[in-house]
PDB file of N, CA and C in Angstrom:
ATOM      1  N   GLY A   1       0.788  -1.200   0.000  1.00  0.00           N
ATOM      2  CA  GLY A   1       0.000   0.000   0.000  1.00  0.00           C
ATOM      3  C   GLY A   1       0.830   1.263   0.000  1.00  0.00           C
ATOM      4  N   LEU A   2       2.149   1.148  -0.041  1.00  0.00           N
ATOM      5  CA  LEU A   2       2.975   2.345  -0.062  1.00  0.00           C
ATOM      6  C   LEU A   2       2.879   3.036  -1.415  1.00  0.00           C
ATOM      7  N   LYS A   3       2.914   4.344  -1.387  1.00  0.00           N
ATOM      8  CA  LYS A   3       2.949   5.146  -2.605  1.00  0.00           C
ATOM      9  C   LYS A   3       4.275   5.895  -2.634  1.00  0.00           C
ATOM     10  N   TYR A   4       4.843   5.979  -3.795  1.00  0.00           N
ATOM     11  CA  TYR A   4       6.092   6.706  -3.970  1.00  0.00           C
ATOM     12  C   TYR A   4       5.854   7.821  -4.957  1.00  0.00           C
ATOM     13  N   LEU A   5       6.393   8.989  -4.668  1.00  0.00           N
ATOM     14  CA  LEU A   5       6.289  10.140  -5.536  1.00  0.00           C
ATOM     15  C   LEU A   5       7.694  10.543  -5.940  1.00  0.00           C
ATOM     16  N   ILE A   6       7.943  10.542  -7.239  1.00  0.00           N
ATOM     17  CA  ILE A   6       9.242  10.940  -7.774  1.00  0.00           C
ATOM     18  C   ILE A   6       9.033  12.243  -8.523  1.00  0.00           C
ATOM     19  N   THR A   7       9.801  13.264  -8.174  1.00  0.00           N
ATOM     20  CA  THR A   7       9.699  14.559  -8.835  1.00  0.00           C
ATOM     21  C   THR A   7      11.039  14.864  -9.492  1.00  0.00           C
ATOM     22  N   LEU A   8      10.987  15.157 -10.779  1.00  0.00           N
ATOM     23  CA  LEU A   8      12.202  15.470 -11.526  1.00  0.00           C
ATOM     24  C   LEU A   8      12.020  16.791 -12.269  1.00  0.00           C
ATOM     25  N   ASP A   9      12.874  17.751 -11.987  1.00  0.00           N
ATOM     26  CA  ASP A   9      12.901  19.000 -12.753  1.00  0.00           C
ATOM     27  C   ASP A   9      13.972  18.832 -13.824  1.00  0.00           C
ATOM     28  N   GLU A  10      13.831  19.566 -14.899  1.00  0.00           N
ATOM     29  CA  GLU A  10      14.738  19.426 -16.051  1.00  0.00           C
ATOM     30  C   GLU A  10      14.766  17.968 -16.495  1.00  0.00           C
ATOM     31  N   LEU A  11      13.596  17.451 -16.790  1.00  0.00           N
ATOM     32  CA  LEU A  11      13.404  16.040 -17.126  1.00  0.00           C
ATOM     33  C   LEU A  11      14.298  15.575 -18.276  1.00  0.00           C
ATOM     34  N   ASN A  12      14.648  16.490 -19.184  1.00  0.00           N
ATOM     35  CA  ASN A  12      15.496  16.089 -20.311  1.00  0.00           C
ATOM     36  C   ASN A  12      16.888  15.639 -19.878  1.00  0.00           C
ATOM     37  N   ARG A  13      17.325  16.004 -18.673  1.00  0.00           N
ATOM     38  CA  ARG A  13      18.625  15.533 -18.172  1.00  0.00           C
ATOM     39  C   ARG A  13      18.578  14.061 -17.775  1.00  0.00           C
ATOM     40  N   PHE A  14      17.395  13.592 -17.373  1.00  0.00           N
ATOM     41  CA  PHE A  14      17.239  12.228 -16.904  1.00  0.00           C
ATOM     42  C   PHE A  14      16.686  11.294 -17.975  1.00  0.00           C
ATOM     43  N   ALA A  15      15.900  11.826 -18.901  1.00  0.00           N
ATOM     44  CA  ALA A  15      15.291  11.017 -19.969  1.00  0.00           C
ATOM     45  C   ALA A  15      15.264  11.820 -21.263  1.00  0.00           C
ATOM     46  N   PRO A  16      16.447  12.079 -21.838  1.00  0.00           N
ATOM     47  CA  PRO A  16      16.482  12.881 -23.059  1.00  0.00           C
ATOM     48  C   PRO A  16      15.949  12.121 -24.271  1.00  0.00           C
ATOM     49  N   LYS A  17      15.405  12.863 -25.191  1.00  0.00           N
ATOM     50  CA  LYS A  17      14.900  12.307 -26.438  1.00  0.00           C
ATOM     51  C   LYS A  17      16.041  11.601 -27.173  1.00  0.00           C
ATOM     52  N   GLY A  18      15.791  10.390 -27.631  1.00  0.00           N
ATOM     53  CA  GLY A  18      16.763   9.639 -28.414  1.00  0.00           C
ATOM     54  C   GLY A  18      17.805   8.888 -27.602  1.00  0.00           C
ATOM     55  N   ALA A  19      17.755   8.967 -26.279  1.00  0.00           N
ATOM     56  CA  ALA A  19      18.763   8.290 -25.453  1.00  0.00           C
ATOM     57  C   ALA A  19      18.324   6.863 -25.137  1.00  0.00           C
ATOM     58  N   GLY A  20      19.294   6.013 -24.875  1.00  0.00           N
ATOM     59  CA  GLY A  20      19.012   4.629 -24.518  1.00  0.00           C
ATOM     60  C   GLY A  20      19.801   4.174 -23.310  1.00  0.00           C
ATOM     61  N   ASP A  21      20.303   5.124 -22.535  1.00  0.00           N
ATOM     62  CA  ASP A  21      21.106   4.789 -21.359  1.00  0.00           C
ATOM     63  C   ASP A  21      20.223   4.197 -20.262  1.00  0.00           C
ATOM     64  N   PRO A  22      20.830   3.565 -19.265  1.00  0.00           N
ATOM     65  CA  PRO A  22      20.047   2.904 -18.206  1.00  0.00           C
ATOM     66  C   PRO A  22      19.104   3.836 -17.433  1.00  0.00           C
ATOM     67  N   ILE A  23      19.510   5.060 -17.171  1.00  0.00           N
ATOM     68  CA  ILE A  23      18.640   5.975 -16.431  1.00  0.00           C
ATOM     69  C   ILE A  23      17.416   6.336 -17.271  1.00  0.00           C
ATOM     70  N   THR A  24      17.623   6.644 -18.542  1.00  0.00           N
ATOM     71  CA  THR A  24      16.492   6.952 -19.423  1.00  0.00           C
ATOM     72  C   THR A  24      15.531   5.775 -19.497  1.00  0.00           C
ATOM     73  N   ARG A  25      16.055   4.571 -19.653  1.00  0.00           N
ATOM     74  CA  ARG A  25      15.185   3.385 -19.724  1.00  0.00           C
ATOM     75  C   ARG A  25      14.400   3.196 -18.430  1.00  0.00           C
ATOM     76  N   GLN A  26      15.026   3.483 -17.289  1.00  0.00           N
ATOM     77  CA  GLN A  26      14.334   3.350 -16.007  1.00  0.00           C
ATOM     78  C   GLN A  26      13.219   4.395 -15.875  1.00  0.00           C
ATOM     79  N   ILE A  27      13.488   5.624 -16.253  1.00  0.00           N
ATOM     80  CA  ILE A  27      12.465   6.670 -16.190  1.00  0.00           C
ATOM     81  C   ILE A  27      11.317   6.326 -17.141  1.00  0.00           C
ATOM     82  N   GLU A  28      11.626   5.805 -18.328  1.00  0.00           N
ATOM     83  CA  GLU A  28      10.578   5.376 -19.271  1.00  0.00           C
ATOM     84  C   GLU A  28       9.722   4.261 -18.660  1.00  0.00           C
ATOM     85  N   ALA A  29      10.360   3.331 -17.959  1.00  0.00           N
ATOM     86  CA  ALA A  29       9.617   2.237 -17.324  1.00  0.00           C
ATOM     87  C   ALA A  29       8.719   2.762 -16.209  1.00  0.00           C
ATOM     88  N   VAL A  30       9.221   3.683 -15.420  1.00  0.00           N
ATOM     89  CA  VAL A  30       8.400   4.274 -14.356  1.00  0.00           C
ATOM     90  C   VAL A  30       7.209   5.013 -14.969  1.00  0.00           C
ATOM     91  N   ALA A  31       7.431   5.763 -16.031  1.00  0.00           N
ATOM     92  CA  ALA A  31       6.341   6.493 -16.682  1.00  0.00           C
ATOM     93  C   ALA A  31       5.299   5.546 -17.259  1.00  0.00           C
ATOM     94  N   ALA A  32       5.747   4.420 -17.803  1.00  0.00           N
ATOM     95  CA  ALA A  32       4.832   3.481 -18.456  1.00  0.00           C
ATOM     96  C   ALA A  32       4.116   2.560 -17.474  1.00  0.00           C
ATOM     97  N   GLU A  33       4.802   2.138 -16.427  1.00  0.00           N
ATOM     98  CA  GLU A  33       4.262   1.090 -15.551  1.00  0.00           C
ATOM     99  C   GLU A  33       4.159   1.485 -14.081  1.00  0.00           C
ATOM    100  N   GLY A  34       4.636   2.657 -13.740  1.00  0.00           N
ATOM    101  CA  GLY A  34       4.723   3.037 -12.333  1.00  0.00           C
ATOM    102  C   GLY A  34       3.408   3.155 -11.599  1.00  0.00           C
ATOM    103  N   ARG A  35       2.383   3.722 -12.258  1.00  0.00           N
ATOM    104  CA  ARG A  35       1.106   3.924 -11.556  1.00  0.00           C
ATOM    105  C   ARG A  35       0.552   2.619 -11.008  1.00  0.00           C
ATOM    106  N   SER A  36       0.679   1.538 -11.772  1.00  0.00           N
ATOM    107  CA  SER A  36       0.143   0.251 -11.314  1.00  0.00           C
ATOM    108  C   SER A  36       0.945  -0.313 -10.149  1.00  0.00           C
ATOM    109  N   GLN A  37       2.140   0.219  -9.919  1.00  0.00           N
ATOM    110  CA  GLN A  37       2.985  -0.242  -8.824  1.00  0.00           C
ATOM    111  C   GLN A  37       3.058   0.773  -7.680  1.00  0.00           C
ATOM    112  N   GLY A  38       2.179   1.767  -7.713  1.00  0.00           N
ATOM    113  CA  GLY A  38       2.139   2.757  -6.642  1.00  0.00           C
ATOM    114  C   GLY A  38       3.191   3.836  -6.750  1.00  0.00           C
ATOM    115  N   ILE A  39       3.705   4.078  -7.957  1.00  0.00           N
ATOM    116  CA  ILE A  39       4.724   5.098  -8.160  1.00  0.00           C
ATOM    117  C   ILE A  39       4.129   6.205  -9.031  1.00  0.00           C
ATOM    118  N   ILE A  40       4.267   7.433  -8.571  1.00  0.00           N
ATOM    119  CA  ILE A  40       3.792   8.579  -9.332  1.00  0.00           C
ATOM    120  C   ILE A  40       5.012   9.397  -9.727  1.00  0.00           C
ATOM    121  N   LEU A  41       5.120   9.715 -10.999  1.00  0.00           N
ATOM    122  CA  LEU A  41       6.234  10.506 -11.527  1.00  0.00           C
ATOM    123  C   LEU A  41       5.716  11.882 -11.918  1.00  0.00           C
ATOM    124  N   LEU A  42       6.294  12.910 -11.323  1.00  0.00           N
ATOM    125  CA  LEU A  42       6.024  14.284 -11.723  1.00  0.00           C
ATOM    126  C   LEU A  42       7.284  14.801 -12.396  1.00  0.00           C
ATOM    127  N   GLY A  43       7.158  15.197 -13.642  1.00  0.00           N
ATOM    128  CA  GLY A  43       8.313  15.704 -14.368  1.00  0.00           C
ATOM    129  C   GLY A  43       8.051  17.105 -14.866  1.00  0.00           C
ATOM    130  N   ALA A  44       9.076  17.932 -14.865  1.00  0.00           N
ATOM    131  CA  ALA A  44       8.962  19.303 -15.358  1.00  0.00           C
ATOM    132  C   ALA A  44      10.064  19.554 -16.375  1.00  0.00           C
ATOM    133  N   GLN A  45       9.711  20.266 -17.417  1.00  0.00           N
ATOM    134  CA  GLN A  45      10.675  20.573 -18.464  1.00  0.00           C
ATOM    135  C   GLN A  45      10.154  21.762 -19.249  1.00  0.00           C
ATOM    136  N   GLN A  46      10.998  22.728 -19.518  1.00  0.00           N
ATOM    137  CA  GLN A  46      10.574  23.900 -20.279  1.00  0.00           C
ATOM    138  C   GLN A  46      10.328  23.561 -21.743  1.00  0.00           C
ATOM    139  N   GLN A  47      11.038  22.591 -22.277  1.00  0.00           N
ATOM    140  CA  GLN A  47      10.852  22.184 -23.671  1.00  0.00           C
ATOM    141  C   GLN A  47      10.584  20.684 -23.705  1.00  0.00           C
ATOM    142  N   ALA A  48       9.325  20.319 -23.787  1.00  0.00           N
ATOM    143  CA  ALA A  48       8.945  18.901 -23.811  1.00  0.00           C
ATOM    144  C   ALA A  48       9.539  18.182 -25.018  1.00  0.00           C
ATOM    145  N   SER A  49       9.852  18.902 -26.069  1.00  0.00           N
ATOM    146  CA  SER A  49      10.421  18.281 -27.264  1.00  0.00           C
ATOM    147  C   SER A  49      11.800  17.685 -27.004  1.00  0.00           C
ATOM    148  N   LEU A  50      12.421  18.002 -25.887  1.00  0.00           N
ATOM    149  CA  LEU A  50      13.747  17.466 -25.544  1.00  0.00           C
ATOM    150  C   LEU A  50      13.674  16.203 -24.687  1.00  0.00           C
ATOM    151  N   VAL A  51      12.458  15.777 -24.329  1.00  0.00           N
ATOM    152  CA  VAL A  51      12.253  14.635 -23.432  1.00  0.00           C
ATOM    153  C   VAL A  51      11.861  13.405 -24.244  1.00  0.00           C
ATOM    154  N   SER A  52      12.224  12.228 -23.754  1.00  0.00           N
ATOM    155  CA  SER A  52      11.865  10.972 -24.395  1.00  0.00           C
ATOM    156  C   SER A  52      10.366  10.921 -24.679  1.00  0.00           C
ATOM    157  N   PRO A  53       9.969  10.645 -25.916  1.00  0.00           N
ATOM    158  CA  PRO A  53       8.545  10.546 -26.252  1.00  0.00           C
ATOM    159  C   PRO A  53       7.817   9.484 -25.432  1.00  0.00           C
ATOM    160  N   LYS A  54       8.511   8.433 -25.017  1.00  0.00           N
ATOM    161  CA  LYS A  54       7.872   7.399 -24.188  1.00  0.00           C
ATOM    162  C   LYS A  54       7.409   7.972 -22.853  1.00  0.00           C
ATOM    163  N   VAL A  55       8.160   8.899 -22.305  1.00  0.00           N
ATOM    164  CA  VAL A  55       7.777   9.524 -21.043  1.00  0.00           C
ATOM    165  C   VAL A  55       6.587  10.460 -21.273  1.00  0.00           C
ATOM    166  N   ILE A  56       6.669  11.274 -22.307  1.00  0.00           N
ATOM    167  CA  ILE A  56       5.592  12.226 -22.602  1.00  0.00           C
ATOM    168  C   ILE A  56       4.290  11.497 -22.909  1.00  0.00           C
ATOM    169  N   GLU A  57       4.348  10.468 -23.725  1.00  0.00           N
ATOM    170  CA  GLU A  57       3.137   9.760 -24.138  1.00  0.00           C
ATOM    171  C   GLU A  57       2.464   9.001 -23.003  1.00  0.00           C
ATOM    172  N   ASN A  58       3.196   8.684 -21.954  1.00  0.00           N
ATOM    173  CA  ASN A  58       2.620   7.970 -20.820  1.00  0.00           C
ATOM    174  C   ASN A  58       2.125   8.906 -19.718  1.00  0.00           C
ATOM    175  N   ALA A  59       2.183  10.192 -19.962  1.00  0.00           N
ATOM    176  CA  ALA A  59       1.720  11.148 -18.954  1.00  0.00           C
ATOM    177  C   ALA A  59       0.202  11.097 -18.841  1.00  0.00           C
ATOM    178  N   ALA A  60      -0.292  10.957 -17.619  1.00  0.00           N
ATOM    179  CA  ALA A  60      -1.739  10.944 -17.394  1.00  0.00           C
ATOM    180  C   ALA A  60      -2.315  12.349 -17.488  1.00  0.00           C
ATOM    181  N   VAL A  61      -1.556  13.332 -17.046  1.00  0.00           N
ATOM    182  CA  VAL A  61      -1.971  14.730 -17.111  1.00  0.00           C
ATOM    183  C   VAL A  61      -0.787  15.531 -17.622  1.00  0.00           C
ATOM    184  N   ARG A  62      -1.062  16.468 -18.511  1.00  0.00           N
ATOM    185  CA  ARG A  62      -0.013  17.349 -19.030  1.00  0.00           C
ATOM    186  C   ARG A  62      -0.387  18.781 -18.708  1.00  0.00           C
ATOM    187  N   ALA A  63       0.524  19.505 -18.110  1.00  0.00           N
ATOM    188  CA  ALA A  63       0.331  20.923 -17.816  1.00  0.00           C
ATOM    189  C   ALA A  63       1.235  21.697 -18.764  1.00  0.00           C
ATOM    190  N   VAL A  64       0.655  22.642 -19.448  1.00  0.00           N
ATOM    191  CA  VAL A  64       1.390  23.421 -20.440  1.00  0.00           C
ATOM    192  C   VAL A  64       1.390  24.875 -20.009  1.00  0.00           C
ATOM    193  N   GLY A  65       2.561  25.437 -19.874  1.00  0.00           N
ATOM    194  CA  GLY A  65       2.691  26.863 -19.591  1.00  0.00           C
ATOM    195  C   GLY A  65       2.954  27.606 -20.886  1.00  0.00           C
ATOM    196  N   ARG A  66       3.176  28.888 -20.782  1.00  0.00           N
ATOM    197  CA  ARG A  66       3.435  29.702 -21.967  1.00  0.00           C
ATOM    198  C   ARG A  66       4.639  29.149 -22.720  1.00  0.00           C
ATOM    199  N   SER A  67       4.445  28.895 -23.990  1.00  0.00           N
ATOM    200  CA  SER A  67       5.497  28.324 -24.828  1.00  0.00           C
ATOM    201  C   SER A  67       5.610  29.118 -26.125  1.00  0.00           C
ATOM    202  N   GLY A  68       6.770  29.051 -26.719  1.00  0.00           N
ATOM    203  CA  GLY A  68       6.993  29.749 -27.971  1.00  0.00           C
ATOM    204  C   GLY A  68       6.480  28.950 -29.165  1.00  0.00           C
ATOM    205  N   ALA A  69       6.311  29.631 -30.271  1.00  0.00           N
ATOM    206  CA  ALA A  69       5.782  29.006 -31.482  1.00  0.00           C
ATOM    207  C   ALA A  69       6.692  27.888 -31.988  1.00  0.00           C
ATOM    208  N   LEU A  70       8.000  28.042 -31.866  1.00  0.00           N
ATOM    209  CA  LEU A  70       8.925  27.007 -32.328  1.00  0.00           C
ATOM    210  C   LEU A  70       8.727  25.718 -31.538  1.00  0.00           C
ATOM    211  N   GLU A  71       8.652  25.827 -30.217  1.00  0.00           N
ATOM    212  CA  GLU A  71       8.430  24.646 -29.376  1.00  0.00           C
ATOM    213  C   GLU A  71       7.057  24.038 -29.658  1.00  0.00           C
ATOM    214  N   LEU A  72       6.028  24.863 -29.751  1.00  0.00           N
ATOM    215  CA  LEU A  72       4.668  24.367 -29.980  1.00  0.00           C
ATOM    216  C   LEU A  72       4.500  23.735 -31.359  1.00  0.00           C
ATOM    217  N   GLY A  73       5.429  23.968 -32.268  1.00  0.00           N
ATOM    218  CA  GLY A  73       5.395  23.359 -33.592  1.00  0.00           C
ATOM    219  C   GLY A  73       6.009  21.961 -33.629  1.00  0.00           C
ATOM    220  N   GLN A  74       6.612  21.518 -32.515  1.00  0.00           N
ATOM    221  CA  GLN A  74       7.248  20.204 -32.461  1.00  0.00           C
ATOM    222  C   GLN A  74       6.204  19.090 -32.382  1.00  0.00           C
ATOM    223  N   ASP A  75       6.590  17.888 -32.809  1.00  0.00           N
ATOM    224  CA  ASP A  75       5.672  16.741 -32.839  1.00  0.00           C
ATOM    225  C   ASP A  75       5.043  16.426 -31.483  1.00  0.00           C
ATOM    226  N   VAL A  76       5.752  16.667 -30.409  1.00  0.00           N
ATOM    227  CA  VAL A  76       5.263  16.320 -29.075  1.00  0.00           C
ATOM    228  C   VAL A  76       3.964  17.066 -28.738  1.00  0.00           C
ATOM    229  N   TRP A  77       3.694  18.150 -29.429  1.00  0.00           N
ATOM    230  CA  TRP A  77       2.504  18.964 -29.164  1.00  0.00           C
ATOM    231  C   TRP A  77       1.350  18.657 -30.100  1.00  0.00           C
ATOM    232  N   LYS A  78       1.421  17.584 -30.877  1.00  0.00           N
ATOM    233  CA  LYS A  78       0.343  17.246 -31.812  1.00  0.00           C
ATOM    234  C   LYS A  78      -0.995  17.031 -31.121  1.00  0.00           C
ATOM    235  N   PHE A  79      -0.967  16.644 -29.848  1.00  0.00           N
ATOM    236  CA  PHE A  79      -2.214  16.395 -29.129  1.00  0.00           C
ATOM    237  C   PHE A  79      -3.024  17.679 -28.929  1.00  0.00           C
ATOM    238  N   LEU A  80      -2.380  18.839 -29.028  1.00  0.00           N
ATOM    239  CA  LEU A  80      -3.082  20.112 -28.917  1.00  0.00           C
ATOM    240  C   LEU A  80      -3.570  20.550 -30.291  1.00  0.00           C
ATOM    241  N   GLY A  81      -4.803  20.932 -30.371  1.00  0.00           N
ATOM    242  CA  GLY A  81      -5.329  21.467 -31.623  1.00  0.00           C
ATOM    243  C   GLY A  81      -4.781  22.869 -31.868  1.00  0.00           C
ATOM    244  N   PRO A  82      -5.032  23.419 -33.044  1.00  0.00           N
ATOM    245  CA  PRO A  82      -4.519  24.756 -33.378  1.00  0.00           C
ATOM    246  C   PRO A  82      -4.940  25.844 -32.381  1.00  0.00           C
ATOM    247  N   SER A  83      -6.188  25.811 -31.928  1.00  0.00           N
ATOM    248  CA  SER A  83      -6.638  26.860 -31.004  1.00  0.00           C
ATOM    249  C   SER A  83      -5.944  26.715 -29.640  1.00  0.00           C
ATOM    250  N   ALA A  84      -5.706  25.489 -29.207  1.00  0.00           N
ATOM    251  CA  ALA A  84      -5.008  25.278 -27.932  1.00  0.00           C
ATOM    252  C   ALA A  84      -3.546  25.699 -28.043  1.00  0.00           C
ATOM    253  N   ARG A  85      -2.934  25.473 -29.190  1.00  0.00           N
ATOM    254  CA  ARG A  85      -1.546  25.926 -29.381  1.00  0.00           C
ATOM    255  C   ARG A  85      -1.467  27.445 -29.346  1.00  0.00           C
ATOM    256  N   THR A  86      -2.437  28.102 -29.983  1.00  0.00           N
ATOM    257  CA  THR A  86      -2.479  29.564 -29.952  1.00  0.00           C
ATOM    258  C   THR A  86      -2.664  30.057 -28.526  1.00  0.00           C
ATOM    259  N   ALA A  87      -3.549  29.411 -27.787  1.00  0.00           N
ATOM    260  CA  ALA A  87      -3.786  29.786 -26.389  1.00  0.00           C
ATOM    261  C   ALA A  87      -2.521  29.592 -25.558  1.00  0.00           C
ATOM    262  N   ALA A  88      -1.807  28.482 -25.776  1.00  0.00           N
ATOM    263  CA  ALA A  88      -0.572  28.208 -25.023  1.00  0.00           C
ATOM    264  C   ALA A  88       0.486  29.275 -25.288  1.00  0.00           C
ATOM    265  N   ALA A  89       0.520  29.783 -26.500  1.00  0.00           N
ATOM    266  CA  ALA A  89       1.502  30.814 -26.847  1.00  0.00           C
ATOM    267  C   ALA A  89       1.162  32.155 -26.197  1.00  0.00           C
ATOM    268  N   GLN A  90      -0.077  32.310 -25.750  1.00  0.00           N
ATOM    269  CA  GLN A  90      -0.509  33.598 -25.195  1.00  0.00           C
ATOM    270  C   GLN A  90      -0.780  33.554 -23.698  1.00  0.00           C
ATOM    271  N   LEU A  91      -0.466  32.451 -23.048  1.00  0.00           N
ATOM    272  CA  LEU A  91      -0.700  32.340 -21.607  1.00  0.00           C
ATOM    273  C   LEU A  91       0.147  33.346 -20.840  1.00  0.00           C
ATOM    274  N   GLN A  92      -0.404  33.816 -19.738  1.00  0.00           N
ATOM    275  CA  GLN A  92       0.350  34.675 -18.834  1.00  0.00           C
ATOM    276  C   GLN A  92       1.250  33.794 -17.969  1.00  0.00           C
ATOM    277  N   PRO A  93       2.280  34.355 -17.348  1.00  0.00           N
ATOM    278  CA  PRO A  93       3.205  33.530 -16.549  1.00  0.00           C
ATOM    279  C   PRO A  93       2.529  32.685 -15.469  1.00  0.00           C
ATOM    280  N   ASP A  94       1.420  33.144 -14.914  1.00  0.00           N
ATOM    281  CA  ASP A  94       0.753  32.393 -13.853  1.00  0.00           C
ATOM    282  C   ASP A  94      -0.379  31.506 -14.368  1.00  0.00           C
ATOM    283  N   GLU A  95      -0.513  31.346 -15.680  1.00  0.00           N
ATOM    284  CA  GLU A  95      -1.577  30.535 -16.265  1.00  0.00           C
ATOM    285  C   GLU A  95      -1.015  29.237 -16.835  1.00  0.00           C
ATOM    286  N   LYS A  96      -1.833  28.180 -16.812  1.00  0.00           N
ATOM    287  CA  LYS A  96      -1.450  26.873 -17.370  1.00  0.00           C
ATOM    288  C   LYS A  96      -2.640  26.278 -18.083  1.00  0.00           C
ATOM    289  N   LEU A  97      -2.375  25.485 -19.099  1.00  0.00           N
ATOM    290  CA  LEU A  97      -3.379  24.651 -19.744  1.00  0.00           C
ATOM    291  C   LEU A  97      -3.191  23.247 -19.206  1.00  0.00           C
ATOM    292  N   LEU A  98      -4.263  22.586 -18.805  1.00  0.00           N
ATOM    293  CA  LEU A  98      -4.186  21.194 -18.365  1.00  0.00           C
ATOM    294  C   LEU A  98      -4.856  20.317 -19.400  1.00  0.00           C
ATOM    295  N   TYR A  99      -4.208  19.206 -19.713  1.00  0.00           N
ATOM    296  CA  TYR A  99      -4.728  18.246 -20.681  1.00  0.00           C
ATOM    297  C   TYR A  99      -4.697  16.870 -20.036  1.00  0.00           C
ATOM    298  N   GLN A 100      -5.841  16.211 -20.054  1.00  0.00           N
ATOM    299  CA  GLN A 100      -5.910  14.842 -19.530  1.00  0.00           C
ATOM    300  C   GLN A 100      -6.580  13.966 -20.582  1.00  0.00           C
ATOM    301  N   PRO A 101      -5.786  13.107 -21.236  1.00  0.00           N
ATOM    302  CA  PRO A 101      -6.368  12.248 -22.288  1.00  0.00           C
ATOM    303  C   PRO A 101      -7.395  11.283 -21.737  1.00  0.00           C
TER     304      PRO A 101
END
């Protein structure tokens, strides 16, 4: 019945896009299978496009802060429609968009 909470800032340092090192593979496994084992992963990154797609795709909830057009044009943001991308580009510093698939 124990729950574990893992919080990682600058997630791209631990699970960078295109990496296959042991730490990246472990973070990908936690993102994919952790909830069923009582592990919750909270990751933060200013540019989600720099993080392993396996980690991003397994996120139960995604919080999006103000982002630039270049970042919002990356494949990782395909889940946002055009109007949501426009809204994300215009968010104030204290505003966030939440997405839960």
